[in-house]
Amino acid sequence: MKKRLNIEKVVRVLREMEVLQSQGDSVPEACRKLGIKDNTYYRWKKEYGGLDIDQARRLKVLESENARLKKLVADLSLDNAILKEVASGNS
């Protein structure tokens, strides 16, 4: 079963990984202790590695706003195309 964590929890897990690695654990050992796979850790590290929790929250807000704006642009583009088609039919 896939379990999706929110960005704040991912950042916390990455910080825990840093602590475990500083205590001498290897990446596979630390991943096993935290219950994640190695590939998941590396993907999260690449995407969220340098973020603080506040920055992660801001990223989440910006991503949702971006999705909302993209939908709005798509709707307006569709309306514009329909209006152009109707206008060209009336000529």
C-alpha atoms as a PDB file:
ATOM      1  CA  MET A   1       0.000   0.000   0.000  1.00  0.00           C
ATOM      2  CA  LYS A   2       1.344   3.376  -0.988  1.00  0.00           C
ATOM      3  CA  LYS A   3       1.437   5.954   1.746  1.00  0.00           C
ATOM      4  CA  ARG A   4       1.828   9.596   0.798  1.00  0.00           C
ATOM      5  CA  LEU A   5       3.419  11.955   3.269  1.00  0.00           C
ATOM      6  CA  ASN A   6       2.893  15.666   3.191  1.00  0.00           C
ATOM      7  CA  ILE A   7       5.883  17.887   2.533  1.00  0.00           C
ATOM      8  CA  GLU A   8       6.401  18.823   6.189  1.00  0.00           C
ATOM      9  CA  LYS A   9       6.685  15.164   7.185  1.00  0.00           C
ATOM     10  CA  VAL A  10       9.087  14.479   4.319  1.00  0.00           C
ATOM     11  CA  VAL A  11      11.333  17.322   5.515  1.00  0.00           C
ATOM     12  CA  ARG A  12      11.211  15.919   9.076  1.00  0.00           C
ATOM     13  CA  VAL A  13      12.202  12.466   7.794  1.00  0.00           C
ATOM     14  CA  LEU A  14      15.105  14.007   5.875  1.00  0.00           C
ATOM     15  CA  ARG A  15      16.281  15.763   9.049  1.00  0.00           C
ATOM     16  CA  GLU A  16      16.038  12.476  10.974  1.00  0.00           C
ATOM     17  CA  MET A  17      18.113  10.829   8.237  1.00  0.00           C
ATOM     18  CA  GLU A  18      20.783  13.496   8.689  1.00  0.00           C
ATOM     19  CA  VAL A  19      20.856  12.832  12.436  1.00  0.00           C
ATOM     20  CA  LEU A  20      21.120   9.070  11.951  1.00  0.00           C
ATOM     21  CA  GLN A  21      23.881   9.491   9.378  1.00  0.00           C
ATOM     22  CA  SER A  22      25.792  11.825  11.696  1.00  0.00           C
ATOM     23  CA  GLN A  23      25.602   9.085  14.335  1.00  0.00           C
ATOM     24  CA  GLY A  24      27.355   6.725  11.941  1.00  0.00           C
ATOM     25  CA  ASP A  25      24.491   4.861  10.283  1.00  0.00           C
ATOM     26  CA  SER A  26      24.742   4.164   6.577  1.00  0.00           C
ATOM     27  CA  VAL A  27      21.936   5.255   4.265  1.00  0.00           C
ATOM     28  CA  PRO A  28      20.402   1.752   3.998  1.00  0.00           C
ATOM     29  CA  GLU A  29      20.490   1.295   7.782  1.00  0.00           C
ATOM     30  CA  ALA A  30      18.941   4.712   8.442  1.00  0.00           C
ATOM     31  CA  CYS A  31      16.251   4.106   5.804  1.00  0.00           C
ATOM     32  CA  ARG A  32      15.409   0.773   7.391  1.00  0.00           C
ATOM     33  CA  LYS A  33      15.078   2.430  10.818  1.00  0.00           C
ATOM     34  CA  LEU A  34      12.729   5.084   9.401  1.00  0.00           C
ATOM     35  CA  GLY A  35      10.737   2.613   7.312  1.00  0.00           C
ATOM     36  CA  ILE A  36      11.449   4.062   3.867  1.00  0.00           C
ATOM     37  CA  LYS A  37      13.206   2.705   0.817  1.00  0.00           C
ATOM     38  CA  ASP A  38      16.578   3.972  -0.380  1.00  0.00           C
ATOM     39  CA  ASN A  39      15.143   5.202  -3.666  1.00  0.00           C
ATOM     40  CA  THR A  40      12.457   7.156  -1.824  1.00  0.00           C
ATOM     41  CA  TYR A  41      15.097   8.831   0.325  1.00  0.00           C
ATOM     42  CA  TYR A  42      17.198   9.870  -2.662  1.00  0.00           C
ATOM     43  CA  ARG A  43      14.141  11.173  -4.530  1.00  0.00           C
ATOM     44  CA  TRP A  44      13.012  13.193  -1.503  1.00  0.00           C
ATOM     45  CA  LYS A  45      16.540  14.473  -0.931  1.00  0.00           C
ATOM     46  CA  LYS A  46      16.767  15.657  -4.526  1.00  0.00           C
ATOM     47  CA  GLU A  47      13.381  17.384  -4.397  1.00  0.00           C
ATOM     48  CA  TYR A  48      13.184  18.701  -0.825  1.00  0.00           C
ATOM     49  CA  GLY A  49      16.773  18.436   0.428  1.00  0.00           C
ATOM     50  CA  GLY A  50      17.500  22.072   1.221  1.00  0.00           C
ATOM     51  CA  LEU A  51      14.093  23.094   2.523  1.00  0.00           C
ATOM     52  CA  ASP A  52      13.070  24.128   6.022  1.00  0.00           C
ATOM     53  CA  ILE A  53       9.591  23.239   7.253  1.00  0.00           C
ATOM     54  CA  ASP A  54       8.383  26.824   6.662  1.00  0.00           C
ATOM     55  CA  GLN A  55       9.717  26.743   3.120  1.00  0.00           C
ATOM     56  CA  ALA A  56       8.040  23.379   2.556  1.00  0.00           C
ATOM     57  CA  ARG A  57       4.687  24.812   3.670  1.00  0.00           C
ATOM     58  CA  ARG A  58       5.160  27.776   1.340  1.00  0.00           C
ATOM     59  CA  LEU A  59       6.026  25.401  -1.512  1.00  0.00           C
ATOM     60  CA  LYS A  60       2.812  23.456  -0.883  1.00  0.00           C
ATOM     61  CA  VAL A  61       0.754  26.685  -0.974  1.00  0.00           C
ATOM     62  CA  LEU A  62       2.460  27.836  -4.169  1.00  0.00           C
ATOM     63  CA  GLU A  63       1.937  24.475  -5.869  1.00  0.00           C
ATOM     64  CA  SER A  64      -1.788  24.519  -5.095  1.00  0.00           C
ATOM     65  CA  GLU A  65      -2.086  28.128  -6.284  1.00  0.00           C
ATOM     66  CA  ASN A  66      -0.199  27.247  -9.458  1.00  0.00           C
ATOM     67  CA  ALA A  67      -2.556  24.331 -10.157  1.00  0.00           C
ATOM     68  CA  ARG A  68      -5.566  26.612  -9.623  1.00  0.00           C
ATOM     69  CA  LEU A  69      -4.152  29.241 -11.994  1.00  0.00           C
ATOM     70  CA  LYS A  70      -3.332  26.638 -14.655  1.00  0.00           C
ATOM     71  CA  LYS A  71      -6.918  25.408 -14.534  1.00  0.00           C
ATOM     72  CA  LEU A  72      -8.174  28.972 -14.824  1.00  0.00           C
ATOM     73  CA  VAL A  73      -5.972  29.620 -17.873  1.00  0.00           C
ATOM     74  CA  ALA A  74      -7.152  26.391 -19.501  1.00  0.00           C
ATOM     75  CA  ASP A  75     -10.804  27.343 -18.950  1.00  0.00           C
ATOM     76  CA  LEU A  76     -10.266  30.849 -20.340  1.00  0.00           C
ATOM     77  CA  SER A  77      -8.377  29.484 -23.355  1.00  0.00           C
ATOM     78  CA  LEU A  78     -11.242  27.115 -24.083  1.00  0.00           C
ATOM     79  CA  ASP A  79     -13.779  29.944 -23.772  1.00  0.00           C
ATOM     80  CA  ASN A  80     -11.661  32.111 -26.073  1.00  0.00           C
ATOM     81  CA  ALA A  81     -11.418  29.345 -28.680  1.00  0.00           C
ATOM     82  CA  ILE A  82     -15.191  28.813 -28.576  1.00  0.00           C
ATOM     83  CA  LEU A  83     -15.830  32.548 -29.006  1.00  0.00           C
ATOM     84  CA  LYS A  84     -13.419  32.735 -31.958  1.00  0.00           C
ATOM     85  CA  GLU A  85     -15.141  29.772 -33.596  1.00  0.00           C
ATOM     86  CA  VAL A  86     -18.573  31.346 -33.129  1.00  0.00           C
ATOM     87  CA  ALA A  87     -17.356  34.720 -34.399  1.00  0.00           C
ATOM     88  CA  SER A  88     -15.792  33.194 -37.514  1.00  0.00           C
ATOM     89  CA  GLY A  89     -19.050  31.349 -38.222  1.00  0.00           C
ATOM     90  CA  ASN A  90     -21.050  34.571 -38.206  1.00  0.00           C
ATOM     91  CA  SER A  91     -18.915  36.268 -40.901  1.00  0.00           C
END
